mmCIF file of all heavy atoms, coordinates in Angstrom:
data_MODEL
# 
_entry.id   MODEL 
# 
loop_
_atom_site.group_PDB 
_atom_site.id 
_atom_site.type_symbol 
_atom_site.label_atom_id 
_atom_site.label_alt_id 
_atom_site.label_comp_id 
_atom_site.label_asym_id 
_atom_site.label_entity_id 
_atom_site.label_seq_id 
_atom_site.pdbx_PDB_ins_code 
_atom_site.Cartn_x 
_atom_site.Cartn_y 
_atom_site.Cartn_z 
_atom_site.occupancy 
_atom_site.B_iso_or_equiv 
_atom_site.pdbx_formal_charge 
_atom_site.auth_seq_id 
_atom_site.auth_comp_id 
_atom_site.auth_asym_id 
_atom_site.auth_atom_id 
_atom_site.pdbx_PDB_model_num 
ATOM 1   N N   . LEU A 1 1  ? -120.445 163.026 275.426 1.00 0.00 ? 1  LEU A N   1 
ATOM 2   C CA  . LEU A 1 1  ? -119.798 162.053 274.624 1.00 0.00 ? 1  LEU A CA  1 
ATOM 3   C C   . LEU A 1 1  ? -120.615 160.711 274.626 1.00 0.00 ? 1  LEU A C   1 
ATOM 4   O O   . LEU A 1 1  ? -121.361 160.497 275.483 1.00 0.00 ? 1  LEU A O   1 
ATOM 5   C CB  . LEU A 1 1  ? -118.375 161.815 275.108 1.00 0.00 ? 1  LEU A CB  1 
ATOM 6   C CG  . LEU A 1 1  ? -117.398 163.010 275.051 1.00 0.00 ? 1  LEU A CG  1 
ATOM 7   C CD1 . LEU A 1 1  ? -116.152 162.700 275.751 1.00 0.00 ? 1  LEU A CD1 1 
ATOM 8   C CD2 . LEU A 1 1  ? -117.094 163.360 273.563 1.00 0.00 ? 1  LEU A CD2 1 
ATOM 9   N N   . PRO A 1 2  ? -120.334 159.906 273.604 1.00 0.00 ? 2  PRO A N   1 
ATOM 10  C CA  . PRO A 1 2  ? -121.096 158.614 273.542 1.00 0.00 ? 2  PRO A CA  1 
ATOM 11  C C   . PRO A 1 2  ? -120.853 157.702 274.837 1.00 0.00 ? 2  PRO A C   1 
ATOM 12  O O   . PRO A 1 2  ? -121.724 157.017 275.235 1.00 0.00 ? 2  PRO A O   1 
ATOM 13  C CB  . PRO A 1 2  ? -120.563 157.922 272.236 1.00 0.00 ? 2  PRO A CB  1 
ATOM 14  C CG  . PRO A 1 2  ? -120.052 159.042 271.423 1.00 0.00 ? 2  PRO A CG  1 
ATOM 15  C CD  . PRO A 1 2  ? -119.486 160.066 272.379 1.00 0.00 ? 2  PRO A CD  1 
ATOM 16  N N   . ASP A 1 3  ? -119.663 157.826 275.336 1.00 0.00 ? 3  ASP A N   1 
ATOM 17  C CA  . ASP A 1 3  ? -119.346 156.975 276.494 1.00 0.00 ? 3  ASP A CA  1 
ATOM 18  C C   . ASP A 1 3  ? -119.085 157.768 277.778 1.00 0.00 ? 3  ASP A C   1 
ATOM 19  O O   . ASP A 1 3  ? -118.644 157.181 278.828 1.00 0.00 ? 3  ASP A O   1 
ATOM 20  C CB  . ASP A 1 3  ? -118.014 156.128 276.175 1.00 0.00 ? 3  ASP A CB  1 
ATOM 21  C CG  . ASP A 1 3  ? -116.857 156.999 275.806 1.00 0.00 ? 3  ASP A CG  1 
ATOM 22  O OD1 . ASP A 1 3  ? -117.079 158.276 275.596 1.00 0.00 ? 3  ASP A OD1 1 
ATOM 23  O OD2 . ASP A 1 3  ? -115.782 156.492 275.803 1.00 0.00 ? 3  ASP A OD2 1 
ATOM 24  N N   . ALA A 1 4  ? -119.563 159.018 277.769 1.00 0.00 ? 4  ALA A N   1 
ATOM 25  C CA  . ALA A 1 4  ? -119.393 159.816 279.047 1.00 0.00 ? 4  ALA A CA  1 
ATOM 26  C C   . ALA A 1 4  ? -120.307 161.018 278.900 1.00 0.00 ? 4  ALA A C   1 
ATOM 27  O O   . ALA A 1 4  ? -120.206 161.741 277.973 1.00 0.00 ? 4  ALA A O   1 
ATOM 28  C CB  . ALA A 1 4  ? -117.948 160.223 279.346 1.00 0.00 ? 4  ALA A CB  1 
ATOM 29  N N   . MET A 1 5  ? -121.179 161.309 279.935 1.00 0.00 ? 5  MET A N   1 
ATOM 30  C CA  . MET A 1 5  ? -121.987 162.445 280.020 1.00 0.00 ? 5  MET A CA  1 
ATOM 31  C C   . MET A 1 5  ? -121.672 163.246 281.297 1.00 0.00 ? 5  MET A C   1 
ATOM 32  O O   . MET A 1 5  ? -121.573 162.627 282.397 1.00 0.00 ? 5  MET A O   1 
ATOM 33  C CB  . MET A 1 5  ? -123.426 162.052 279.942 1.00 0.00 ? 5  MET A CB  1 
ATOM 34  C CG  . MET A 1 5  ? -123.882 161.560 278.594 1.00 0.00 ? 5  MET A CG  1 
ATOM 35  S SD  . MET A 1 5  ? -123.863 162.865 277.332 1.00 0.00 ? 5  MET A SD  1 
ATOM 36  C CE  . MET A 1 5  ? -125.121 163.976 277.982 1.00 0.00 ? 5  MET A CE  1 
ATOM 37  N N   . GLY A 1 6  ? -121.609 164.580 281.138 1.00 0.00 ? 6  GLY A N   1 
ATOM 38  C CA  . GLY A 1 6  ? -121.472 165.366 282.282 1.00 0.00 ? 6  GLY A CA  1 
ATOM 39  C C   . GLY A 1 6  ? -119.959 165.338 282.929 1.00 0.00 ? 6  GLY A C   1 
ATOM 40  O O   . GLY A 1 6  ? -119.031 164.943 282.232 1.00 0.00 ? 6  GLY A O   1 
ATOM 41  N N   . LEU A 1 7  ? -119.919 165.706 284.174 1.00 0.00 ? 7  LEU A N   1 
ATOM 42  C CA  . LEU A 1 7  ? -118.606 165.767 284.872 1.00 0.00 ? 7  LEU A CA  1 
ATOM 43  C C   . LEU A 1 7  ? -117.952 164.463 285.143 1.00 0.00 ? 7  LEU A C   1 
ATOM 44  O O   . LEU A 1 7  ? -116.759 164.467 285.465 1.00 0.00 ? 7  LEU A O   1 
ATOM 45  C CB  . LEU A 1 7  ? -118.837 166.512 286.233 1.00 0.00 ? 7  LEU A CB  1 
ATOM 46  C CG  . LEU A 1 7  ? -119.355 167.906 286.091 1.00 0.00 ? 7  LEU A CG  1 
ATOM 47  C CD1 . LEU A 1 7  ? -119.452 168.541 287.455 1.00 0.00 ? 7  LEU A CD1 1 
ATOM 48  C CD2 . LEU A 1 7  ? -118.377 168.825 285.264 1.00 0.00 ? 7  LEU A CD2 1 
ATOM 49  N N   . GLY A 1 8  ? -118.669 163.345 284.965 1.00 0.00 ? 8  GLY A N   1 
ATOM 50  C CA  . GLY A 1 8  ? -118.025 162.067 285.104 1.00 0.00 ? 8  GLY A CA  1 
ATOM 51  C C   . GLY A 1 8  ? -116.861 161.862 284.158 1.00 0.00 ? 8  GLY A C   1 
ATOM 52  O O   . GLY A 1 8  ? -115.823 161.193 284.517 1.00 0.00 ? 8  GLY A O   1 
ATOM 53  N N   . GLY A 1 9  ? -117.023 162.289 282.952 1.00 0.00 ? 9  GLY A N   1 
ATOM 54  C CA  . GLY A 1 9  ? -115.929 162.197 281.960 1.00 0.00 ? 9  GLY A CA  1 
ATOM 55  C C   . GLY A 1 9  ? -114.711 163.074 282.366 1.00 0.00 ? 9  GLY A C   1 
ATOM 56  O O   . GLY A 1 9  ? -113.596 162.586 282.157 1.00 0.00 ? 9  GLY A O   1 
ATOM 57  N N   . LEU A 1 10 ? -114.916 164.233 282.885 1.00 0.00 ? 10 LEU A N   1 
ATOM 58  C CA  . LEU A 1 10 ? -113.835 165.095 283.345 1.00 0.00 ? 10 LEU A CA  1 
ATOM 59  C C   . LEU A 1 10 ? -113.063 164.333 284.480 1.00 0.00 ? 10 LEU A C   1 
ATOM 60  O O   . LEU A 1 10 ? -111.826 164.361 284.435 1.00 0.00 ? 10 LEU A O   1 
ATOM 61  C CB  . LEU A 1 10 ? -114.393 166.392 283.806 1.00 0.00 ? 10 LEU A CB  1 
ATOM 62  C CG  . LEU A 1 10 ? -113.343 167.345 284.459 1.00 0.00 ? 10 LEU A CG  1 
ATOM 63  C CD1 . LEU A 1 10 ? -112.276 167.751 283.620 1.00 0.00 ? 10 LEU A CD1 1 
ATOM 64  C CD2 . LEU A 1 10 ? -114.146 168.630 284.990 1.00 0.00 ? 10 LEU A CD2 1 
ATOM 65  N N   . GLU A 1 11 ? -113.828 163.855 285.405 1.00 0.00 ? 11 GLU A N   1 
ATOM 66  C CA  . GLU A 1 11 ? -113.172 163.240 286.574 1.00 0.00 ? 11 GLU A CA  1 
ATOM 67  C C   . GLU A 1 11 ? -112.361 161.973 286.111 1.00 0.00 ? 11 GLU A C   1 
ATOM 68  O O   . GLU A 1 11 ? -111.223 161.692 286.585 1.00 0.00 ? 11 GLU A O   1 
ATOM 69  C CB  . GLU A 1 11 ? -114.249 162.802 287.511 1.00 0.00 ? 11 GLU A CB  1 
ATOM 70  C CG  . GLU A 1 11 ? -114.964 164.052 288.199 1.00 0.00 ? 11 GLU A CG  1 
ATOM 71  C CD  . GLU A 1 11 ? -116.104 163.664 289.060 1.00 0.00 ? 11 GLU A CD  1 
ATOM 72  O OE1 . GLU A 1 11 ? -116.575 162.426 289.003 1.00 0.00 ? 11 GLU A OE1 1 
ATOM 73  O OE2 . GLU A 1 11 ? -116.724 164.486 289.714 1.00 0.00 ? 11 GLU A OE2 1 
ATOM 74  N N   . ARG A 1 12 ? -112.884 161.229 285.187 1.00 0.00 ? 12 ARG A N   1 
ATOM 75  C CA  . ARG A 1 12 ? -112.214 160.081 284.707 1.00 0.00 ? 12 ARG A CA  1 
ATOM 76  C C   . ARG A 1 12 ? -110.929 160.430 283.957 1.00 0.00 ? 12 ARG A C   1 
ATOM 77  O O   . ARG A 1 12 ? -109.886 159.783 284.128 1.00 0.00 ? 12 ARG A O   1 
ATOM 78  C CB  . ARG A 1 12 ? -113.093 159.225 283.787 1.00 0.00 ? 12 ARG A CB  1 
ATOM 79  C CG  . ARG A 1 12 ? -112.413 157.974 283.252 1.00 0.00 ? 12 ARG A CG  1 
ATOM 80  C CD  . ARG A 1 12 ? -113.285 157.132 282.354 1.00 0.00 ? 12 ARG A CD  1 
ATOM 81  N NE  . ARG A 1 12 ? -112.561 156.091 281.625 1.00 0.00 ? 12 ARG A NE  1 
ATOM 82  C CZ  . ARG A 1 12 ? -112.991 155.519 280.580 1.00 0.00 ? 12 ARG A CZ  1 
ATOM 83  N NH1 . ARG A 1 12 ? -114.300 155.724 280.060 1.00 0.00 ? 12 ARG A NH1 1 
ATOM 84  N NH2 . ARG A 1 12 ? -112.309 154.579 279.972 1.00 0.00 ? 12 ARG A NH2 1 
ATOM 85  N N   . LEU A 1 13 ? -111.035 161.497 283.181 1.00 0.00 ? 13 LEU A N   1 
ATOM 86  C CA  . LEU A 1 13 ? -109.818 162.000 282.375 1.00 0.00 ? 13 LEU A CA  1 
ATOM 87  C C   . LEU A 1 13 ? -108.709 162.475 283.413 1.00 0.00 ? 13 LEU A C   1 
ATOM 88  O O   . LEU A 1 13 ? -107.584 162.229 283.263 1.00 0.00 ? 13 LEU A O   1 
ATOM 89  C CB  . LEU A 1 13 ? -110.272 163.128 281.520 1.00 0.00 ? 13 LEU A CB  1 
ATOM 90  C CG  . LEU A 1 13 ? -109.500 163.347 280.232 1.00 0.00 ? 13 LEU A CG  1 
ATOM 91  C CD1 . LEU A 1 13 ? -109.456 162.119 279.359 1.00 0.00 ? 13 LEU A CD1 1 
ATOM 92  C CD2 . LEU A 1 13 ? -110.023 164.480 279.447 1.00 0.00 ? 13 LEU A CD2 1 
ATOM 93  N N   . LEU A 1 14 ? -109.181 163.205 284.438 1.00 0.00 ? 14 LEU A N   1 
ATOM 94  C CA  . LEU A 1 14 ? -108.152 163.700 285.435 1.00 0.00 ? 14 LEU A CA  1 
ATOM 95  C C   . LEU A 1 14 ? -107.544 162.557 286.193 1.00 0.00 ? 14 LEU A C   1 
ATOM 96  O O   . LEU A 1 14 ? -106.371 162.566 286.477 1.00 0.00 ? 14 LEU A O   1 
ATOM 97  C CB  . LEU A 1 14 ? -108.877 164.708 286.336 1.00 0.00 ? 14 LEU A CB  1 
ATOM 98  C CG  . LEU A 1 14 ? -109.264 166.045 285.728 1.00 0.00 ? 14 LEU A CG  1 
ATOM 99  C CD1 . LEU A 1 14 ? -110.033 166.886 286.765 1.00 0.00 ? 14 LEU A CD1 1 
ATOM 100 C CD2 . LEU A 1 14 ? -108.096 166.836 285.165 1.00 0.00 ? 14 LEU A CD2 1 
ATOM 101 N N   . ASP A 1 15 ? -108.344 161.541 286.557 1.00 0.00 ? 15 ASP A N   1 
ATOM 102 C CA  . ASP A 1 15 ? -107.792 160.368 287.234 1.00 0.00 ? 15 ASP A CA  1 
ATOM 103 C C   . ASP A 1 15 ? -106.801 159.633 286.379 1.00 0.00 ? 15 ASP A C   1 
ATOM 104 O O   . ASP A 1 15 ? -105.871 159.014 286.978 1.00 0.00 ? 15 ASP A O   1 
ATOM 105 C CB  . ASP A 1 15 ? -108.948 159.433 287.626 1.00 0.00 ? 15 ASP A CB  1 
ATOM 106 C CG  . ASP A 1 15 ? -109.786 160.021 288.737 1.00 0.00 ? 15 ASP A CG  1 
ATOM 107 O OD1 . ASP A 1 15 ? -109.313 160.916 289.452 1.00 0.00 ? 15 ASP A OD1 1 
ATOM 108 O OD2 . ASP A 1 15 ? -110.986 159.595 288.897 1.00 0.00 ? 15 ASP A OD2 1 
ATOM 109 N N   . ALA A 1 16 ? -106.972 159.730 285.105 1.00 0.00 ? 16 ALA A N   1 
ATOM 110 C CA  . ALA A 1 16 ? -106.072 159.045 284.200 1.00 0.00 ? 16 ALA A CA  1 
ATOM 111 C C   . ALA A 1 16 ? -104.737 159.812 283.989 1.00 0.00 ? 16 ALA A C   1 
ATOM 112 O O   . ALA A 1 16 ? -103.843 159.310 283.261 1.00 0.00 ? 16 ALA A O   1 
ATOM 113 C CB  . ALA A 1 16 ? -106.674 158.700 282.767 1.00 0.00 ? 16 ALA A CB  1 
ATOM 114 N N   . GLY A 1 17 ? -104.640 160.956 284.524 1.00 0.00 ? 17 GLY A N   1 
ATOM 115 C CA  . GLY A 1 17 ? -103.445 161.739 284.432 1.00 0.00 ? 17 GLY A CA  1 
ATOM 116 C C   . GLY A 1 17 ? -103.450 162.863 283.398 1.00 0.00 ? 17 GLY A C   1 
ATOM 117 O O   . GLY A 1 17 ? -102.419 163.196 282.871 1.00 0.00 ? 17 GLY A O   1 
ATOM 118 N N   . ALA A 1 18 ? -104.624 163.327 283.066 1.00 0.00 ? 18 ALA A N   1 
ATOM 119 C CA  . ALA A 1 18 ? -104.715 164.382 281.926 1.00 0.00 ? 18 ALA A CA  1 
ATOM 120 C C   . ALA A 1 18 ? -103.945 165.631 282.331 1.00 0.00 ? 18 ALA A C   1 
ATOM 121 O O   . ALA A 1 18 ? -103.813 166.018 283.619 1.00 0.00 ? 18 ALA A O   1 
ATOM 122 C CB  . ALA A 1 18 ? -106.118 164.679 281.712 1.00 0.00 ? 18 ALA A CB  1 
ATOM 123 N N   . PRO A 1 19 ? -103.388 166.330 281.381 1.00 0.00 ? 19 PRO A N   1 
ATOM 124 C CA  . PRO A 1 19 ? -102.814 167.658 281.631 1.00 0.00 ? 19 PRO A CA  1 
ATOM 125 C C   . PRO A 1 19 ? -103.893 168.679 281.813 1.00 0.00 ? 19 PRO A C   1 
ATOM 126 O O   . PRO A 1 19 ? -105.017 168.333 282.255 1.00 0.00 ? 19 PRO A O   1 
ATOM 127 C CB  . PRO A 1 19 ? -101.989 167.863 280.431 1.00 0.00 ? 19 PRO A CB  1 
ATOM 128 C CG  . PRO A 1 19 ? -102.687 167.164 279.288 1.00 0.00 ? 19 PRO A CG  1 
ATOM 129 C CD  . PRO A 1 19 ? -103.330 165.997 279.950 1.00 0.00 ? 19 PRO A CD  1 
ATOM 130 N N   . ALA A 1 20 ? -103.639 169.946 281.528 1.00 0.00 ? 20 ALA A N   1 
ATOM 131 C CA  . ALA A 1 20 ? -104.660 170.966 281.627 1.00 0.00 ? 20 ALA A CA  1 
ATOM 132 C C   . ALA A 1 20 ? -105.899 170.674 280.844 1.00 0.00 ? 20 ALA A C   1 
ATOM 133 O O   . ALA A 1 20 ? -105.791 170.195 279.657 1.00 0.00 ? 20 ALA A O   1 
ATOM 134 C CB  . ALA A 1 20 ? -104.074 172.363 281.099 1.00 0.00 ? 20 ALA A CB  1 
ATOM 135 N N   . VAL A 1 21 ? -107.057 170.760 281.424 1.00 0.00 ? 21 VAL A N   1 
ATOM 136 C CA  . VAL A 1 21 ? -108.277 170.432 280.703 1.00 0.00 ? 21 VAL A CA  1 
ATOM 137 C C   . VAL A 1 21 ? -109.231 171.695 280.668 1.00 0.00 ? 21 VAL A C   1 
ATOM 138 O O   . VAL A 1 21 ? -109.525 172.393 281.599 1.00 0.00 ? 21 VAL A O   1 
ATOM 139 C CB  . VAL A 1 21 ? -109.110 169.348 281.492 1.00 0.00 ? 21 VAL A CB  1 
ATOM 140 C CG1 . VAL A 1 21 ? -110.352 169.002 280.770 1.00 0.00 ? 21 VAL A CG1 1 
ATOM 141 C CG2 . VAL A 1 21 ? -108.229 168.077 281.526 1.00 0.00 ? 21 VAL A CG2 1 
ATOM 142 N N   . VAL A 1 22 ? -109.639 171.990 279.436 1.00 0.00 ? 22 VAL A N   1 
ATOM 143 C CA  . VAL A 1 22 ? -110.604 173.046 279.241 1.00 0.00 ? 22 VAL A CA  1 
ATOM 144 C C   . VAL A 1 22 ? -111.917 172.424 278.674 1.00 0.00 ? 22 VAL A C   1 
ATOM 145 O O   . VAL A 1 22 ? -111.847 171.716 277.693 1.00 0.00 ? 22 VAL A O   1 
ATOM 146 C CB  . VAL A 1 22 ? -110.127 174.137 278.149 1.00 0.00 ? 22 VAL A CB  1 
ATOM 147 C CG1 . VAL A 1 22 ? -111.159 175.110 277.846 1.00 0.00 ? 22 VAL A CG1 1 
ATOM 148 C CG2 . VAL A 1 22 ? -108.845 174.828 278.711 1.00 0.00 ? 22 VAL A CG2 1 
ATOM 149 N N   . VAL A 1 23 ? -112.926 172.577 279.469 1.00 0.00 ? 23 VAL A N   1 
ATOM 150 C CA  . VAL A 1 23 ? -114.203 172.082 279.054 1.00 0.00 ? 23 VAL A CA  1 
ATOM 151 C C   . VAL A 1 23 ? -114.806 172.964 278.017 1.00 0.00 ? 23 VAL A C   1 
ATOM 152 O O   . VAL A 1 23 ? -114.982 174.159 278.150 1.00 0.00 ? 23 VAL A O   1 
ATOM 153 C CB  . VAL A 1 23 ? -115.194 171.945 280.272 1.00 0.00 ? 23 VAL A CB  1 
ATOM 154 C CG1 . VAL A 1 23 ? -116.574 171.545 279.840 1.00 0.00 ? 23 VAL A CG1 1 
ATOM 155 C CG2 . VAL A 1 23 ? -114.640 170.915 281.252 1.00 0.00 ? 23 VAL A CG2 1 
ATOM 156 N N   . LEU A 1 24 ? -115.184 172.321 276.743 1.00 0.00 ? 24 LEU A N   1 
ATOM 157 C CA  . LEU A 1 24 ? -115.837 173.011 275.674 1.00 0.00 ? 24 LEU A CA  1 
ATOM 158 C C   . LEU A 1 24 ? -117.035 172.231 275.346 1.00 0.00 ? 24 LEU A C   1 
ATOM 159 O O   . LEU A 1 24 ? -117.019 171.147 274.754 1.00 0.00 ? 24 LEU A O   1 
ATOM 160 C CB  . LEU A 1 24 ? -114.860 173.117 274.492 1.00 0.00 ? 24 LEU A CB  1 
ATOM 161 C CG  . LEU A 1 24 ? -115.377 173.770 273.289 1.00 0.00 ? 24 LEU A CG  1 
ATOM 162 C CD1 . LEU A 1 24 ? -115.647 175.228 273.564 1.00 0.00 ? 24 LEU A CD1 1 
ATOM 163 C CD2 . LEU A 1 24 ? -114.365 173.647 272.120 1.00 0.00 ? 24 LEU A CD2 1 
ATOM 164 N N   . THR A 1 25 ? -118.246 172.814 275.676 1.00 0.00 ? 25 THR A N   1 
ATOM 165 C CA  . THR A 1 25 ? -119.479 171.979 275.533 1.00 0.00 ? 25 THR A CA  1 
ATOM 166 C C   . THR A 1 25 ? -120.582 172.918 275.181 1.00 0.00 ? 25 THR A C   1 
ATOM 167 O O   . THR A 1 25 ? -120.520 174.133 275.315 1.00 0.00 ? 25 THR A O   1 
ATOM 168 C CB  . THR A 1 25 ? -119.767 171.254 276.859 1.00 0.00 ? 25 THR A CB  1 
ATOM 169 O OG1 . THR A 1 25 ? -120.878 170.452 276.654 1.00 0.00 ? 25 THR A OG1 1 
ATOM 170 C CG2 . THR A 1 25 ? -119.939 172.239 277.980 1.00 0.00 ? 25 THR A CG2 1 
# 
């Protein structure tokens, strides 16, 4: 993404309280 690359974006999303996350890349 423009403001997140790799697993850092996933970790930030989960820290924010995201529900189930499916990585599609």
